[in-house]
Amino acid sequence: MSSLKERSVALHAAAADAGFAAMVSNAARALVHRFRANGLRELDDRLLDDIGLCRSDLEKALSEGHAFTDPTPALTRAVRARAWRRLSGRSV
């Protein structure tokens, strides 16, 4: 039978492993999202407008943070803000 201390150490090690795995998974997801968002640069301004973005939104999202920063939350906020302005009758 293992002692309480041994079980506690094993649980902490498992939690650390899970935390590291989550960190690696999040970094990989951010890289994939950054790669895909970078592909949006190939679209012309009309197509970007069709999905609710402008080139400056895209450039701002991609320039913020570092390589492991996911740009999709910034892009989502930009799309929602532009949609809100359009629905409220304000100029884009």
C-alpha atoms as a PDB file:
ATOM      1  CA  MET A   1       0.000   0.000   0.000  1.00  0.00           C
ATOM      2  CA  SER A   2       1.359   3.422  -0.890  1.00  0.00           C
ATOM      3  CA  SER A   3       1.467   6.243   1.555  1.00  0.00           C
ATOM      4  CA  LEU A   4      -0.563   9.400   1.275  1.00  0.00           C
ATOM      5  CA  LYS A   5       2.606  11.325   0.472  1.00  0.00           C
ATOM      6  CA  GLU A   6       3.482   8.979  -2.425  1.00  0.00           C
ATOM      7  CA  ARG A   7      -0.022   9.286  -3.859  1.00  0.00           C
ATOM      8  CA  SER A   8       0.112  13.061  -3.516  1.00  0.00           C
ATOM      9  CA  VAL A   9       3.439  13.211  -5.377  1.00  0.00           C
ATOM     10  CA  ALA A  10       2.020  10.971  -8.131  1.00  0.00           C
ATOM     11  CA  LEU A  11      -1.044  13.207  -8.467  1.00  0.00           C
ATOM     12  CA  HIS A  12       1.111  16.344  -8.693  1.00  0.00           C
ATOM     13  CA  ALA A  13       3.281  14.702 -11.357  1.00  0.00           C
ATOM     14  CA  ALA A  14       0.190  13.699 -13.352  1.00  0.00           C
ATOM     15  CA  ALA A  15      -1.206  17.227 -13.068  1.00  0.00           C
ATOM     16  CA  ALA A  16       2.111  18.682 -14.239  1.00  0.00           C
ATOM     17  CA  ASP A  17       2.147  16.300 -17.219  1.00  0.00           C
ATOM     18  CA  ALA A  18      -1.435  17.253 -18.089  1.00  0.00           C
ATOM     19  CA  GLY A  19      -0.583  20.943 -17.774  1.00  0.00           C
ATOM     20  CA  PHE A  20       2.414  20.565 -20.053  1.00  0.00           C
ATOM     21  CA  ALA A  21       0.356  18.610 -22.596  1.00  0.00           C
ATOM     22  CA  ALA A  22      -2.315  21.330 -22.552  1.00  0.00           C
ATOM     23  CA  MET A  23       0.333  24.011 -23.039  1.00  0.00           C
ATOM     24  CA  VAL A  24       1.810  22.183 -26.040  1.00  0.00           C
ATOM     25  CA  SER A  25      -1.657  21.586 -27.472  1.00  0.00           C
ATOM     26  CA  ASN A  26      -2.585  25.270 -27.109  1.00  0.00           C
ATOM     27  CA  ALA A  27       0.675  26.378 -28.730  1.00  0.00           C
ATOM     28  CA  ALA A  28       0.139  24.006 -31.650  1.00  0.00           C
ATOM     29  CA  ARG A  29      -3.447  25.219 -32.094  1.00  0.00           C
ATOM     30  CA  ALA A  30      -2.294  28.849 -32.058  1.00  0.00           C
ATOM     31  CA  LEU A  31       0.330  28.109 -34.710  1.00  0.00           C
ATOM     32  CA  VAL A  32      -2.242  26.420 -36.955  1.00  0.00           C
ATOM     33  CA  HIS A  33      -4.689  29.317 -36.514  1.00  0.00           C
ATOM     34  CA  ARG A  34      -1.913  31.853 -37.213  1.00  0.00           C
ATOM     35  CA  PHE A  35      -0.924  29.930 -40.365  1.00  0.00           C
ATOM     36  CA  ARG A  36      -4.535  29.867 -41.593  1.00  0.00           C
ATOM     37  CA  ALA A  37      -5.140  33.530 -40.740  1.00  0.00           C
ATOM     38  CA  ASN A  38      -1.939  34.411 -42.575  1.00  0.00           C
ATOM     39  CA  GLY A  39      -3.484  32.737 -45.634  1.00  0.00           C
ATOM     40  CA  LEU A  40      -6.262  35.346 -45.529  1.00  0.00           C
ATOM     41  CA  ARG A  41      -3.679  37.885 -46.712  1.00  0.00           C
ATOM     42  CA  GLU A  42      -4.019  36.324 -50.166  1.00  0.00           C
ATOM     43  CA  LEU A  43      -7.682  37.380 -50.392  1.00  0.00           C
ATOM     44  CA  ASP A  44      -8.557  40.648 -52.071  1.00  0.00           C
ATOM     45  CA  ASP A  45     -10.285  43.401 -50.100  1.00  0.00           C
ATOM     46  CA  ARG A  46     -13.729  42.540 -51.496  1.00  0.00           C
ATOM     47  CA  LEU A  47     -13.484  38.953 -50.273  1.00  0.00           C
ATOM     48  CA  LEU A  48     -12.218  40.082 -46.879  1.00  0.00           C
ATOM     49  CA  ASP A  49     -15.215  42.417 -46.669  1.00  0.00           C
ATOM     50  CA  ASP A  50     -17.513  39.491 -47.485  1.00  0.00           C
ATOM     51  CA  ILE A  51     -16.322  37.713 -44.332  1.00  0.00           C
ATOM     52  CA  GLY A  52     -16.519  40.909 -42.284  1.00  0.00           C
ATOM     53  CA  LEU A  53     -12.854  41.884 -42.169  1.00  0.00           C
ATOM     54  CA  CYS A  54     -10.695  44.582 -43.616  1.00  0.00           C
ATOM     55  CA  ARG A  55      -6.990  44.307 -44.296  1.00  0.00           C
ATOM     56  CA  SER A  56      -6.095  46.435 -41.276  1.00  0.00           C
ATOM     57  CA  ASP A  57      -8.015  44.045 -38.972  1.00  0.00           C
ATOM     58  CA  LEU A  58      -6.029  41.162 -40.367  1.00  0.00           C
ATOM     59  CA  GLU A  59      -2.673  42.903 -40.125  1.00  0.00           C
ATOM     60  CA  LYS A  60      -3.396  44.075 -36.573  1.00  0.00           C
ATOM     61  CA  ALA A  61      -4.390  40.580 -35.420  1.00  0.00           C
ATOM     62  CA  LEU A  62      -1.301  39.017 -36.978  1.00  0.00           C
ATOM     63  CA  SER A  63       1.099  41.625 -35.625  1.00  0.00           C
ATOM     64  CA  GLU A  64      -0.084  41.409 -32.026  1.00  0.00           C
ATOM     65  CA  GLY A  65       1.676  39.069 -29.653  1.00  0.00           C
ATOM     66  CA  HIS A  66       4.172  36.461 -30.738  1.00  0.00           C
ATOM     67  CA  ALA A  67       4.218  33.354 -32.916  1.00  0.00           C
ATOM     68  CA  PHE A  68       2.267  31.365 -30.325  1.00  0.00           C
ATOM     69  CA  THR A  69      -0.493  33.979 -29.949  1.00  0.00           C
ATOM     70  CA  ASP A  70      -3.744  32.860 -31.551  1.00  0.00           C
ATOM     71  CA  PRO A  71      -5.027  35.660 -33.843  1.00  0.00           C
ATOM     72  CA  THR A  72      -8.554  34.274 -34.150  1.00  0.00           C
ATOM     73  CA  PRO A  73     -10.026  35.968 -31.038  1.00  0.00           C
ATOM     74  CA  ALA A  74      -8.901  39.374 -32.365  1.00  0.00           C
ATOM     75  CA  LEU A  75     -10.337  38.579 -35.795  1.00  0.00           C
ATOM     76  CA  THR A  76     -13.616  37.446 -34.237  1.00  0.00           C
ATOM     77  CA  ARG A  77     -13.879  40.684 -32.248  1.00  0.00           C
ATOM     78  CA  ALA A  78     -13.225  42.708 -35.412  1.00  0.00           C
ATOM     79  CA  VAL A  79     -15.939  40.854 -37.351  1.00  0.00           C
ATOM     80  CA  ARG A  80     -18.454  41.271 -34.528  1.00  0.00           C
ATOM     81  CA  ALA A  81     -17.669  44.968 -34.120  1.00  0.00           C
ATOM     82  CA  ARG A  82     -18.043  45.590 -37.864  1.00  0.00           C
ATOM     83  CA  ALA A  83     -21.336  43.633 -37.952  1.00  0.00           C
ATOM     84  CA  TRP A  84     -22.637  45.641 -34.990  1.00  0.00           C
ATOM     85  CA  ARG A  85     -21.737  48.929 -36.672  1.00  0.00           C
ATOM     86  CA  ARG A  86     -23.448  47.834 -39.897  1.00  0.00           C
ATOM     87  CA  LEU A  87     -26.585  46.734 -38.075  1.00  0.00           C
ATOM     88  CA  SER A  88     -26.777  49.948 -36.092  1.00  0.00           C
ATOM     89  CA  GLY A  89     -26.486  52.026 -39.263  1.00  0.00           C
ATOM     90  CA  ARG A  90     -23.074  53.489 -38.503  1.00  0.00           C
ATOM     91  CA  SER A  91     -20.427  53.707 -41.167  1.00  0.00           C
ATOM     92  CA  VAL A  92     -17.856  50.940 -41.326  1.00  0.00           C
END
